[in-house]
Amino acid sequence: MYDAVMTSSESPISRIVVLDQHLPEPLPVQHVEVRRITIEPHTALGAHVHNGPVFGNIVSGKAIYQQAAGGEVQVLHPGDVFYEPAVDRISRFDTEDEGVTFLAYFPLTAGQDATLDLV
């Protein structure tokens, strides 16, 4: 059972939900594309939008993340997860003294390609 958290000290497996993100509307997912993305130090990606939702987790380094202008600024570290809503403006996904490598998961509908548009 995947929705249970295993807490027994006798079990060699632990399952912890780290993100449970509801989408604003149903999405007929045909496939999921997973990308390993590396951003060099001192890179400001700039404001951007994606044409579908993006889920990610930081593998190494750190990123400065802000969903909307004036929104909460987060520093994402290895093991942290994030969600970028479809067509919502992401104000920051920047690096400072160290770069970042993360896995990004793109749930896509039939015939859809993942896009990132700078705004």
PDB file of N, CA and C in Angstrom:
ATOM      1  N   MET A   1       0.854  -1.176   0.000  1.00  0.00           N
ATOM      2  CA  MET A   1       0.000   0.000   0.000  1.00  0.00           C
ATOM      3  C   MET A   1       0.895   1.233   0.000  1.00  0.00           C
ATOM      4  N   TYR A   2       0.753   2.115  -0.995  1.00  0.00           N
ATOM      5  CA  TYR A   2       1.648   3.247  -1.154  1.00  0.00           C
ATOM      6  C   TYR A   2       1.262   4.476  -0.340  1.00  0.00           C
ATOM      7  N   ASP A   3       0.030   4.576   0.135  1.00  0.00           N
ATOM      8  CA  ASP A   3      -0.357   5.776   0.857  1.00  0.00           C
ATOM      9  C   ASP A   3      -0.092   5.684   2.356  1.00  0.00           C
ATOM     10  N   ALA A   4       0.432   4.578   2.808  1.00  0.00           N
ATOM     11  CA  ALA A   4       0.741   4.432   4.226  1.00  0.00           C
ATOM     12  C   ALA A   4       2.190   4.822   4.492  1.00  0.00           C
ATOM     13  N   VAL A   5       2.414   5.410   5.629  1.00  0.00           N
ATOM     14  CA  VAL A   5       3.775   5.734   6.054  1.00  0.00           C
ATOM     15  C   VAL A   5       4.241   4.615   6.969  1.00  0.00           C
ATOM     16  N   MET A   6       5.349   3.997   6.607  1.00  0.00           N
ATOM     17  CA  MET A   6       5.890   2.911   7.409  1.00  0.00           C
ATOM     18  C   MET A   6       6.723   3.523   8.526  1.00  0.00           C
ATOM     19  N   THR A   7       6.344   3.252   9.756  1.00  0.00           N
ATOM     20  CA  THR A   7       7.071   3.837  10.883  1.00  0.00           C
ATOM     21  C   THR A   7       7.711   2.793  11.781  1.00  0.00           C
ATOM     22  N   SER A   8       7.478   1.533  11.495  1.00  0.00           N
ATOM     23  CA  SER A   8       8.031   0.478  12.339  1.00  0.00           C
ATOM     24  C   SER A   8       9.555   0.469  12.243  1.00  0.00           C
ATOM     25  N   SER A   9      10.218   0.393  13.390  1.00  0.00           N
ATOM     26  CA  SER A   9      11.675   0.333  13.376  1.00  0.00           C
ATOM     27  C   SER A   9      12.157  -1.022  12.861  1.00  0.00           C
ATOM     28  N   GLU A  10      11.255  -2.001  12.729  1.00  0.00           N
ATOM     29  CA  GLU A  10      11.608  -3.318  12.240  1.00  0.00           C
ATOM     30  C   GLU A  10      11.573  -3.394  10.710  1.00  0.00           C
ATOM     31  N   SER A  11      10.954  -2.449  10.050  1.00  0.00           N
ATOM     32  CA  SER A  11      10.831  -2.476   8.594  1.00  0.00           C
ATOM     33  C   SER A  11      12.062  -1.850   7.938  1.00  0.00           C
ATOM     34  N   PRO A  12      12.602  -2.497   6.887  1.00  0.00           N
ATOM     35  CA  PRO A  12      13.743  -1.927   6.179  1.00  0.00           C
ATOM     36  C   PRO A  12      13.333  -0.866   5.155  1.00  0.00           C
ATOM     37  N   ILE A  13      12.033  -0.616   5.040  1.00  0.00           N
ATOM     38  CA  ILE A  13      11.530   0.339   4.049  1.00  0.00           C
ATOM     39  C   ILE A  13      10.758   1.439   4.751  1.00  0.00           C
ATOM     40  N   SER A  14      11.016   2.668   4.337  1.00  0.00           N
ATOM     41  CA  SER A  14      10.281   3.817   4.854  1.00  0.00           C
ATOM     42  C   SER A  14       9.648   4.536   3.663  1.00  0.00           C
ATOM     43  N   ARG A  15       8.367   4.852   3.750  1.00  0.00           N
ATOM     44  CA  ARG A  15       7.664   5.581   2.697  1.00  0.00           C
ATOM     45  C   ARG A  15       7.066   6.846   3.306  1.00  0.00           C
ATOM     46  N   ILE A  16       7.548   7.986   2.836  1.00  0.00           N
ATOM     47  CA  ILE A  16       7.084   9.264   3.361  1.00  0.00           C
ATOM     48  C   ILE A  16       6.646  10.130   2.193  1.00  0.00           C
ATOM     49  N   VAL A  17       5.460  10.662   2.255  1.00  0.00           N
ATOM     50  CA  VAL A  17       4.976  11.572   1.222  1.00  0.00           C
ATOM     51  C   VAL A  17       5.675  12.913   1.412  1.00  0.00           C
ATOM     52  N   VAL A  18       6.411  13.372   0.394  1.00  0.00           N
ATOM     53  CA  VAL A  18       7.124  14.644   0.497  1.00  0.00           C
ATOM     54  C   VAL A  18       6.420  15.753  -0.288  1.00  0.00           C
ATOM     55  N   LEU A  19       5.508  15.378  -1.176  1.00  0.00           N
ATOM     56  CA  LEU A  19       4.710  16.361  -1.907  1.00  0.00           C
ATOM     57  C   LEU A  19       3.430  15.682  -2.348  1.00  0.00           C
ATOM     58  N   ASP A  20       2.294  16.293  -2.046  1.00  0.00           N
ATOM     59  CA  ASP A  20       0.991  15.807  -2.486  1.00  0.00           C
ATOM     60  C   ASP A  20       0.299  16.995  -3.133  1.00  0.00           C
ATOM     61  N   GLN A  21       0.541  17.187  -4.408  1.00  0.00           N
ATOM     62  CA  GLN A  21       0.085  18.374  -5.121  1.00  0.00           C
ATOM     63  C   GLN A  21      -1.150  18.067  -5.958  1.00  0.00           C
ATOM     64  N   HIS A  22      -2.239  18.750  -5.662  1.00  0.00           N
ATOM     65  CA  HIS A  22      -3.443  18.617  -6.474  1.00  0.00           C
ATOM     66  C   HIS A  22      -3.344  19.579  -7.644  1.00  0.00           C
ATOM     67  N   LEU A  23      -3.727  19.122  -8.827  1.00  0.00           N
ATOM     68  CA  LEU A  23      -3.720  19.970 -10.014  1.00  0.00           C
ATOM     69  C   LEU A  23      -5.046  20.721 -10.092  1.00  0.00           C
ATOM     70  N   PRO A  24      -5.051  21.935 -10.665  1.00  0.00           N
ATOM     71  CA  PRO A  24      -6.267  22.723 -10.698  1.00  0.00           C
ATOM     72  C   PRO A  24      -7.369  22.128 -11.578  1.00  0.00           C
ATOM     73  N   GLU A  25      -6.988  21.234 -12.477  1.00  0.00           N
ATOM     74  CA  GLU A  25      -7.978  20.568 -13.325  1.00  0.00           C
ATOM     75  C   GLU A  25      -7.415  19.215 -13.753  1.00  0.00           C
ATOM     76  N   PRO A  26      -8.291  18.289 -14.134  1.00  0.00           N
ATOM     77  CA  PRO A  26      -7.802  16.975 -14.579  1.00  0.00           C
ATOM     78  C   PRO A  26      -6.867  17.109 -15.781  1.00  0.00           C
ATOM     79  N   LEU A  27      -5.866  16.259 -15.832  1.00  0.00           N
ATOM     80  CA  LEU A  27      -4.893  16.281 -16.914  1.00  0.00           C
ATOM     81  C   LEU A  27      -4.794  14.871 -17.492  1.00  0.00           C
ATOM     82  N   PRO A  28      -5.179  14.690 -18.763  1.00  0.00           N
ATOM     83  CA  PRO A  28      -5.107  13.346 -19.369  1.00  0.00           C
ATOM     84  C   PRO A  28      -3.664  13.020 -19.763  1.00  0.00           C
ATOM     85  N   VAL A  29      -2.895  12.568 -18.818  1.00  0.00           N
ATOM     86  CA  VAL A  29      -1.470  12.326 -19.033  1.00  0.00           C
ATOM     87  C   VAL A  29      -1.273  11.113 -19.948  1.00  0.00           C
ATOM     88  N   GLN A  30      -0.517  11.329 -21.015  1.00  0.00           N
ATOM     89  CA  GLN A  30      -0.177  10.267 -21.949  1.00  0.00           C
ATOM     90  C   GLN A  30       1.207   9.698 -21.643  1.00  0.00           C
ATOM     91  N   HIS A  31       2.118  10.586 -21.238  1.00  0.00           N
ATOM     92  CA  HIS A  31       3.462  10.144 -20.869  1.00  0.00           C
ATOM     93  C   HIS A  31       4.096  11.179 -19.942  1.00  0.00           C
ATOM     94  N   VAL A  32       5.154  10.761 -19.274  1.00  0.00           N
ATOM     95  CA  VAL A  32       5.899  11.651 -18.373  1.00  0.00           C
ATOM     96  C   VAL A  32       7.335  11.696 -18.871  1.00  0.00           C
ATOM     97  N   GLU A  33       7.825  12.909 -19.104  1.00  0.00           N
ATOM     98  CA  GLU A  33       9.214  13.098 -19.518  1.00  0.00           C
ATOM     99  C   GLU A  33      10.004  13.532 -18.288  1.00  0.00           C
ATOM    100  N   VAL A  34      11.127  12.872 -18.049  1.00  0.00           N
ATOM    101  CA  VAL A  34      11.981  13.214 -16.910  1.00  0.00           C
ATOM    102  C   VAL A  34      13.300  13.722 -17.469  1.00  0.00           C
ATOM    103  N   ARG A  35      13.698  14.909 -17.035  1.00  0.00           N
ATOM    104  CA  ARG A  35      14.946  15.517 -17.504  1.00  0.00           C
ATOM    105  C   ARG A  35      15.869  15.775 -16.318  1.00  0.00           C
ATOM    106  N   ARG A  36      17.159  15.511 -16.515  1.00  0.00           N
ATOM    107  CA  ARG A  36      18.181  15.925 -15.549  1.00  0.00           C
ATOM    108  C   ARG A  36      18.686  17.268 -16.063  1.00  0.00           C
ATOM    109  N   ILE A  37      18.508  18.310 -15.268  1.00  0.00           N
ATOM    110  CA  ILE A  37      18.844  19.664 -15.678  1.00  0.00           C
ATOM    111  C   ILE A  37      19.924  20.205 -14.754  1.00  0.00           C
ATOM    112  N   THR A  38      20.970  20.772 -15.343  1.00  0.00           N
ATOM    113  CA  THR A  38      22.054  21.383 -14.579  1.00  0.00           C
ATOM    114  C   THR A  38      22.146  22.853 -14.962  1.00  0.00           C
ATOM    115  N   ILE A  39      22.188  23.709 -13.962  1.00  0.00           N
ATOM    116  CA  ILE A  39      22.335  25.147 -14.164  1.00  0.00           C
ATOM    117  C   ILE A  39      23.624  25.575 -13.473  1.00  0.00           C
ATOM    118  N   GLU A  40      24.465  26.260 -14.196  1.00  0.00           N
ATOM    119  CA  GLU A  40      25.766  26.693 -13.694  1.00  0.00           C
ATOM    120  C   GLU A  40      25.615  27.752 -12.594  1.00  0.00           C
ATOM    121  N   PRO A  41      26.672  27.949 -11.762  1.00  0.00           N
ATOM    122  CA  PRO A  41      26.634  28.990 -10.729  1.00  0.00           C
ATOM    123  C   PRO A  41      26.396  30.375 -11.338  1.00  0.00           C
ATOM    124  N   HIS A  42      25.793  31.236 -10.538  1.00  0.00           N
ATOM    125  CA  HIS A  42      25.544  32.638 -10.890  1.00  0.00           C
ATOM    126  C   HIS A  42      24.701  32.770 -12.157  1.00  0.00           C
ATOM    127  N   THR A  43      23.659  31.945 -12.248  1.00  0.00           N
ATOM    128  CA  THR A  43      22.749  31.996 -13.389  1.00  0.00           C
ATOM    129  C   THR A  43      21.369  32.416 -12.907  1.00  0.00           C
ATOM    130  N   ALA A  44      20.840  33.470 -13.511  1.00  0.00           N
ATOM    131  CA  ALA A  44      19.472  33.904 -13.239  1.00  0.00           C
ATOM    132  C   ALA A  44      18.640  33.538 -14.457  1.00  0.00           C
ATOM    133  N   LEU A  45      17.844  32.507 -14.317  1.00  0.00           N
ATOM    134  CA  LEU A  45      17.031  32.033 -15.436  1.00  0.00           C
ATOM    135  C   LEU A  45      16.040  33.092 -15.889  1.00  0.00           C
ATOM    136  N   GLY A  46      15.506  33.844 -14.955  1.00  0.00           N
ATOM    137  CA  GLY A  46      14.520  34.873 -15.280  1.00  0.00           C
ATOM    138  C   GLY A  46      13.108  34.328 -15.193  1.00  0.00           C
ATOM    139  N   ALA A  47      12.159  35.225 -15.247  1.00  0.00           N
ATOM    140  CA  ALA A  47      10.753  34.841 -15.156  1.00  0.00           C
ATOM    141  C   ALA A  47      10.403  33.958 -16.348  1.00  0.00           C
ATOM    142  N   HIS A  48       9.629  32.915 -16.071  1.00  0.00           N
ATOM    143  CA  HIS A  48       9.260  31.989 -17.127  1.00  0.00           C
ATOM    144  C   HIS A  48       7.952  31.286 -16.812  1.00  0.00           C
ATOM    145  N   VAL A  49       7.384  30.659 -17.840  1.00  0.00           N
ATOM    146  CA  VAL A  49       6.190  29.837 -17.687  1.00  0.00           C
ATOM    147  C   VAL A  49       6.403  28.534 -18.453  1.00  0.00           C
ATOM    148  N   HIS A  50       5.724  27.498 -17.988  1.00  0.00           N
ATOM    149  CA  HIS A  50       5.723  26.209 -18.673  1.00  0.00           C
ATOM    150  C   HIS A  50       4.310  25.957 -19.208  1.00  0.00           C
ATOM    151  N   ASN A  51       4.190  25.166 -20.257  1.00  0.00           N
ATOM    152  CA  ASN A  51       2.887  24.871 -20.833  1.00  0.00           C
ATOM    153  C   ASN A  51       2.168  23.716 -20.127  1.00  0.00           C
ATOM    154  N   GLY A  52       2.761  23.180 -19.118  1.00  0.00           N
ATOM    155  CA  GLY A  52       2.148  22.131 -18.311  1.00  0.00           C
ATOM    156  C   GLY A  52       2.792  22.138 -16.946  1.00  0.00           C
ATOM    157  N   PRO A  53       2.250  21.380 -16.008  1.00  0.00           N
ATOM    158  CA  PRO A  53       2.843  21.360 -14.674  1.00  0.00           C
ATOM    159  C   PRO A  53       4.217  20.697 -14.703  1.00  0.00           C
ATOM    160  N   VAL A  54       5.072  21.140 -13.786  1.00  0.00           N
ATOM    161  CA  VAL A  54       6.408  20.564 -13.648  1.00  0.00           C
ATOM    162  C   VAL A  54       6.618  20.236 -12.176  1.00  0.00           C
ATOM    163  N   PHE A  55       7.107  19.035 -11.939  1.00  0.00           N
ATOM    164  CA  PHE A  55       7.490  18.606 -10.595  1.00  0.00           C
ATOM    165  C   PHE A  55       8.984  18.368 -10.625  1.00  0.00           C
ATOM    166  N   GLY A  56       9.669  18.666  -9.535  1.00  0.00           N
ATOM    167  CA  GLY A  56      11.099  18.462  -9.542  1.00  0.00           C
ATOM    168  C   GLY A  56      11.649  18.145  -8.176  1.00  0.00           C
ATOM    169  N   ASN A  57      12.875  17.617  -8.186  1.00  0.00           N
ATOM    170  CA  ASN A  57      13.594  17.426  -6.934  1.00  0.00           C
ATOM    171  C   ASN A  57      15.072  17.741  -7.158  1.00  0.00           C
ATOM    172  N   ILE A  58      15.637  18.412  -6.183  1.00  0.00           N
ATOM    173  CA  ILE A  58      17.026  18.852  -6.245  1.00  0.00           C
ATOM    174  C   ILE A  58      17.935  17.665  -5.951  1.00  0.00           C
ATOM    175  N   VAL A  59      18.909  17.446  -6.853  1.00  0.00           N
ATOM    176  CA  VAL A  59      19.865  16.358  -6.698  1.00  0.00           C
ATOM    177  C   VAL A  59      21.131  16.866  -6.013  1.00  0.00           C
ATOM    178  N   SER A  60      21.650  18.014  -6.494  1.00  0.00           N
ATOM    179  CA  SER A  60      22.852  18.593  -5.884  1.00  0.00           C
ATOM    180  C   SER A  60      22.824  20.109  -6.072  1.00  0.00           C
ATOM    181  N   GLY A  61      23.571  20.794  -5.231  1.00  0.00           N
ATOM    182  CA  GLY A  61      23.609  22.252  -5.291  1.00  0.00           C
ATOM    183  C   GLY A  61      22.381  22.861  -4.644  1.00  0.00           C
ATOM    184  N   LYS A  62      22.077  24.101  -5.042  1.00  0.00           N
ATOM    185  CA  LYS A  62      20.873  24.747  -4.512  1.00  0.00           C
ATOM    186  C   LYS A  62      20.351  25.758  -5.517  1.00  0.00           C
ATOM    187  N   ALA A  63      19.073  26.082  -5.384  1.00  0.00           N
ATOM    188  CA  ALA A  63      18.416  27.042  -6.260  1.00  0.00           C
ATOM    189  C   ALA A  63      17.564  27.987  -5.424  1.00  0.00           C
ATOM    190  N   ILE A  64      17.490  29.230  -5.879  1.00  0.00           N
ATOM    191  CA  ILE A  64      16.605  30.228  -5.283  1.00  0.00           C
ATOM    192  C   ILE A  64      15.316  30.174  -6.091  1.00  0.00           C
ATOM    193  N   TYR A  65      14.202  29.845  -5.435  1.00  0.00           N
ATOM    194  CA  TYR A  65      12.938  29.576  -6.122  1.00  0.00           C
ATOM    195  C   TYR A  65      11.859  30.525  -5.627  1.00  0.00           C
ATOM    196  N   GLN A  66      11.143  31.121  -6.566  1.00  0.00           N
ATOM    197  CA  GLN A  66      10.026  32.011  -6.223  1.00  0.00           C
ATOM    198  C   GLN A  66       8.949  31.824  -7.283  1.00  0.00           C
ATOM    199  N   GLN A  67       7.748  31.430  -6.847  1.00  0.00           N
ATOM    200  CA  GLN A  67       6.677  31.167  -7.816  1.00  0.00           C
ATOM    201  C   GLN A  67       6.146  32.429  -8.466  1.00  0.00           C
ATOM    202  N   ALA A  68       5.887  33.457  -7.724  1.00  0.00           N
ATOM    203  CA  ALA A  68       5.305  34.678  -8.297  1.00  0.00           C
ATOM    204  C   ALA A  68       6.007  35.893  -7.705  1.00  0.00           C
ATOM    205  N   ALA A  69       6.054  36.975  -8.473  1.00  0.00           N
ATOM    206  CA  ALA A  69       6.665  38.208  -7.973  1.00  0.00           C
ATOM    207  C   ALA A  69       6.009  38.587  -6.653  1.00  0.00           C
ATOM    208  N   GLY A  70       6.817  38.849  -5.652  1.00  0.00           N
ATOM    209  CA  GLY A  70       6.292  39.191  -4.332  1.00  0.00           C
ATOM    210  C   GLY A  70       5.966  37.981  -3.482  1.00  0.00           C
ATOM    211  N   GLY A  71       6.059  36.780  -4.059  1.00  0.00           N
ATOM    212  CA  GLY A  71       5.781  35.552  -3.312  1.00  0.00           C
ATOM    213  C   GLY A  71       6.959  35.153  -2.453  1.00  0.00           C
ATOM    214  N   GLU A  72       6.775  34.102  -1.701  1.00  0.00           N
ATOM    215  CA  GLU A  72       7.817  33.606  -0.806  1.00  0.00           C
ATOM    216  C   GLU A  72       9.023  33.118  -1.609  1.00  0.00           C
ATOM    217  N   VAL A  73      10.202  33.554  -1.195  1.00  0.00           N
ATOM    218  CA  VAL A  73      11.450  33.075  -1.798  1.00  0.00           C
ATOM    219  C   VAL A  73      11.921  31.874  -0.993  1.00  0.00           C
ATOM    220  N   GLN A  74      12.206  30.778  -1.692  1.00  0.00           N
ATOM    221  CA  GLN A  74      12.672  29.562  -1.034  1.00  0.00           C
ATOM    222  C   GLN A  74      14.061  29.229  -1.550  1.00  0.00           C
ATOM    223  N   VAL A  75      14.881  28.655  -0.693  1.00  0.00           N
ATOM    224  CA  VAL A  75      16.166  28.105  -1.108  1.00  0.00           C
ATOM    225  C   VAL A  75      15.996  26.594  -1.108  1.00  0.00           C
ATOM    226  N   LEU A  76      16.115  26.007  -2.301  1.00  0.00           N
ATOM    227  CA  LEU A  76      15.943  24.566  -2.459  1.00  0.00           C
ATOM    228  C   LEU A  76      17.296  23.876  -2.370  1.00  0.00           C
ATOM    229  N   HIS A  77      17.381  22.846  -1.541  1.00  0.00           N
ATOM    230  CA  HIS A  77      18.603  22.075  -1.303  1.00  0.00           C
ATOM    231  C   HIS A  77      18.405  20.635  -1.767  1.00  0.00           C
ATOM    232  N   PRO A  78      19.481  19.844  -1.831  1.00  0.00           N
ATOM    233  CA  PRO A  78      19.339  18.443  -2.223  1.00  0.00           C
ATOM    234  C   PRO A  78      18.281  17.726  -1.391  1.00  0.00           C
ATOM    235  N   GLY A  79      17.411  17.020  -2.102  1.00  0.00           N
ATOM    236  CA  GLY A  79      16.312  16.309  -1.449  1.00  0.00           C
ATOM    237  C   GLY A  79      15.014  17.088  -1.445  1.00  0.00           C
ATOM    238  N   ASP A  80      15.070  18.413  -1.627  1.00  0.00           N
ATOM    239  CA  ASP A  80      13.851  19.217  -1.656  1.00  0.00           C
ATOM    240  C   ASP A  80      13.096  18.981  -2.965  1.00  0.00           C
ATOM    241  N   VAL A  81      11.783  19.086  -2.890  1.00  0.00           N
ATOM    242  CA  VAL A  81      10.928  18.950  -4.062  1.00  0.00           C
ATOM    243  C   VAL A  81      10.225  20.274  -4.327  1.00  0.00           C
ATOM    244  N   PHE A  82       9.799  20.460  -5.579  1.00  0.00           N
ATOM    245  CA  PHE A  82       9.077  21.686  -5.928  1.00  0.00           C
ATOM    246  C   PHE A  82       8.047  21.389  -7.000  1.00  0.00           C
ATOM    247  N   TYR A  83       7.111  22.323  -7.157  1.00  0.00           N
ATOM    248  CA  TYR A  83       6.040  22.233  -8.139  1.00  0.00           C
ATOM    249  C   TYR A  83       5.912  23.571  -8.840  1.00  0.00           C
ATOM    250  N   GLU A  84       5.886  23.553 -10.159  1.00  0.00           N
ATOM    251  CA  GLU A  84       5.642  24.754 -10.953  1.00  0.00           C
ATOM    252  C   GLU A  84       4.327  24.548 -11.694  1.00  0.00           C
ATOM    253  N   PRO A  85       3.296  25.309 -11.342  1.00  0.00           N
ATOM    254  CA  PRO A  85       1.996  25.143 -11.994  1.00  0.00           C
ATOM    255  C   PRO A  85       2.059  25.512 -13.481  1.00  0.00           C
ATOM    256  N   ALA A  86       1.216  24.870 -14.270  1.00  0.00           N
ATOM    257  CA  ALA A  86       1.129  25.173 -15.699  1.00  0.00           C
ATOM    258  C   ALA A  86       0.708  26.622 -15.904  1.00  0.00           C
ATOM    259  N   VAL A  87       1.349  27.280 -16.817  1.00  0.00           N
ATOM    260  CA  VAL A  87       1.097  28.658 -17.271  1.00  0.00           C
ATOM    261  C   VAL A  87       1.164  29.728 -16.182  1.00  0.00           C
ATOM    262  N   ASP A  88       1.535  29.377 -14.959  1.00  0.00           N
ATOM    263  CA  ASP A  88       1.761  30.385 -13.920  1.00  0.00           C
ATOM    264  C   ASP A  88       3.194  30.875 -14.017  1.00  0.00           C
ATOM    265  N   ARG A  89       3.364  32.156 -13.802  1.00  0.00           N
ATOM    266  CA  ARG A  89       4.700  32.762 -13.899  1.00  0.00           C
ATOM    267  C   ARG A  89       5.576  32.329 -12.720  1.00  0.00           C
ATOM    268  N   ILE A  90       6.747  31.807 -13.046  1.00  0.00           N
ATOM    269  CA  ILE A  90       7.759  31.494 -12.045  1.00  0.00           C
ATOM    270  C   ILE A  90       8.756  32.647 -12.098  1.00  0.00           C
ATOM    271  N   SER A  91       8.875  33.383 -11.002  1.00  0.00           N
ATOM    272  CA  SER A  91       9.719  34.580 -11.008  1.00  0.00           C
ATOM    273  C   SER A  91      11.207  34.263 -10.929  1.00  0.00           C
ATOM    274  N   ARG A  92      11.556  33.247 -10.140  1.00  0.00           N
ATOM    275  CA  ARG A  92      12.984  32.941  -9.978  1.00  0.00           C
ATOM    276  C   ARG A  92      13.214  31.445  -9.898  1.00  0.00           C
ATOM    277  N   PHE A  93      14.256  31.008 -10.552  1.00  0.00           N
ATOM    278  CA  PHE A  93      14.857  29.698 -10.357  1.00  0.00           C
ATOM    279  C   PHE A  93      16.324  29.926 -10.666  1.00  0.00           C
ATOM    280  N   ASP A  94      17.017  30.528  -9.707  1.00  0.00           N
ATOM    281  CA  ASP A  94      18.356  31.076  -9.905  1.00  0.00           C
ATOM    282  C   ASP A  94      19.382  30.333  -9.055  1.00  0.00           C
ATOM    283  N   THR A  95      20.632  30.459  -9.476  1.00  0.00           N
ATOM    284  CA  THR A  95      21.730  29.914  -8.679  1.00  0.00           C
ATOM    285  C   THR A  95      22.627  31.058  -8.228  1.00  0.00           C
ATOM    286  N   GLU A  96      23.363  30.806  -7.174  1.00  0.00           N
ATOM    287  CA  GLU A  96      24.307  31.800  -6.675  1.00  0.00           C
ATOM    288  C   GLU A  96      25.716  31.220  -6.777  1.00  0.00           C
ATOM    289  N   ASP A  97      26.408  31.035  -5.645  1.00  0.00           N
ATOM    290  CA  ASP A  97      27.801  30.578  -5.671  1.00  0.00           C
ATOM    291  C   ASP A  97      27.980  29.135  -6.125  1.00  0.00           C
ATOM    292  N   GLU A  98      26.924  28.353  -6.054  1.00  0.00           N
ATOM    293  CA  GLU A  98      27.010  26.986  -6.555  1.00  0.00           C
ATOM    294  C   GLU A  98      25.865  26.765  -7.537  1.00  0.00           C
ATOM    295  N   GLY A  99      26.084  25.916  -8.486  1.00  0.00           N
ATOM    296  CA  GLY A  99      25.031  25.591  -9.439  1.00  0.00           C
ATOM    297  C   GLY A  99      24.045  24.626  -8.819  1.00  0.00           C
ATOM    298  N   VAL A 100      23.175  24.090  -9.668  1.00  0.00           N
ATOM    299  CA  VAL A 100      22.189  23.133  -9.196  1.00  0.00           C
ATOM    300  C   VAL A 100      21.974  22.076 -10.276  1.00  0.00           C
ATOM    301  N   THR A 101      21.735  20.868  -9.829  1.00  0.00           N
ATOM    302  CA  THR A 101      21.278  19.798 -10.705  1.00  0.00           C
ATOM    303  C   THR A 101      19.991  19.270 -10.098  1.00  0.00           C
ATOM    304  N   PHE A 102      18.977  19.126 -10.946  1.00  0.00           N
ATOM    305  CA  PHE A 102      17.700  18.623 -10.461  1.00  0.00           C
ATOM    306  C   PHE A 102      17.063  17.732 -11.508  1.00  0.00           C
ATOM    307  N   LEU A 103      16.143  16.907 -11.060  1.00  0.00           N
ATOM    308  CA  LEU A 103      15.319  16.118 -11.959  1.00  0.00           C
ATOM    309  C   LEU A 103      13.985  16.824 -12.089  1.00  0.00           C
ATOM    310  N   ALA A 104      13.550  17.035 -13.326  1.00  0.00           N
ATOM    311  CA  ALA A 104      12.265  17.669 -13.596  1.00  0.00           C
ATOM    312  C   ALA A 104      11.356  16.654 -14.274  1.00  0.00           C
ATOM    313  N   TYR A 105      10.129  16.559 -13.780  1.00  0.00           N
ATOM    314  CA  TYR A 105       9.146  15.603 -14.279  1.00  0.00           C
ATOM    315  C   TYR A 105       8.029  16.390 -14.965  1.00  0.00           C
ATOM    316  N   PHE A 106       7.823  16.102 -16.245  1.00  0.00           N
ATOM    317  CA  PHE A 106       6.836  16.803 -17.059  1.00  0.00           C
ATOM    318  C   PHE A 106       5.715  15.832 -17.442  1.00  0.00           C
ATOM    319  N   PRO A 107       4.543  15.880 -16.772  1.00  0.00           N
ATOM    320  CA  PRO A 107       3.414  15.068 -17.214  1.00  0.00           C
ATOM    321  C   PRO A 107       2.833  15.713 -18.482  1.00  0.00           C
ATOM    322  N   LEU A 108       2.760  14.955 -19.561  1.00  0.00           N
ATOM    323  CA  LEU A 108       2.375  15.512 -20.861  1.00  0.00           C
ATOM    324  C   LEU A 108       1.163  14.784 -21.439  1.00  0.00           C
ATOM    325  N   THR A 109       0.343  15.538 -22.133  1.00  0.00           N
ATOM    326  CA  THR A 109      -0.811  14.959 -22.817  1.00  0.00           C
ATOM    327  C   THR A 109      -0.366  14.430 -24.179  1.00  0.00           C
ATOM    328  N   ALA A 110      -1.242  13.741 -24.873  1.00  0.00           N
ATOM    329  CA  ALA A 110      -0.922  13.168 -26.184  1.00  0.00           C
ATOM    330  C   ALA A 110      -0.462  14.270 -27.138  1.00  0.00           C
ATOM    331  N   GLY A 111       0.701  14.097 -27.734  1.00  0.00           N
ATOM    332  CA  GLY A 111       1.216  15.055 -28.710  1.00  0.00           C
ATOM    333  C   GLY A 111       1.834  16.316 -28.130  1.00  0.00           C
ATOM    334  N   GLN A 112       1.847  16.468 -26.839  1.00  0.00           N
ATOM    335  CA  GLN A 112       2.378  17.674 -26.205  1.00  0.00           C
ATOM    336  C   GLN A 112       3.876  17.548 -25.972  1.00  0.00           C
ATOM    337  N   ASP A 113       4.605  18.624 -26.246  1.00  0.00           N
ATOM    338  CA  ASP A 113       6.019  18.738 -25.903  1.00  0.00           C
ATOM    339  C   ASP A 113       6.146  19.737 -24.774  1.00  0.00           C
ATOM    340  N   ALA A 114       7.025  19.480 -23.821  1.00  0.00           N
ATOM    341  CA  ALA A 114       7.242  20.417 -22.715  1.00  0.00           C
ATOM    342  C   ALA A 114       7.928  21.663 -23.233  1.00  0.00           C
ATOM    343  N   THR A 115       7.440  22.825 -22.821  1.00  0.00           N
ATOM    344  CA  THR A 115       8.068  24.083 -23.220  1.00  0.00           C
ATOM    345  C   THR A 115       8.308  24.966 -22.011  1.00  0.00           C
ATOM    346  N   LEU A 116       9.284  25.843 -22.164  1.00  0.00           N
ATOM    347  CA  LEU A 116       9.598  26.888 -21.199  1.00  0.00           C
ATOM    348  C   LEU A 116       9.700  28.179 -21.992  1.00  0.00           C
ATOM    349  N   ASP A 117       8.896  29.158 -21.620  1.00  0.00           N
ATOM    350  CA  ASP A 117       8.909  30.462 -22.293  1.00  0.00           C
ATOM    351  C   ASP A 117       9.331  31.535 -21.311  1.00  0.00           C
ATOM    352  N   LEU A 118      10.355  32.303 -21.661  1.00  0.00           N
ATOM    353  CA  LEU A 118      10.781  33.428 -20.827  1.00  0.00           C
ATOM    354  C   LEU A 118       9.785  34.562 -21.011  1.00  0.00           C
ATOM    355  N   VAL A 119       9.461  35.237 -19.890  1.00  0.00           N
ATOM    356  CA  VAL A 119       8.509  36.358 -19.945  1.00  0.00           C
ATOM    357  C   VAL A 119       9.124  37.612 -19.363  1.00  0.00           C
TER     358      VAL A 119
END
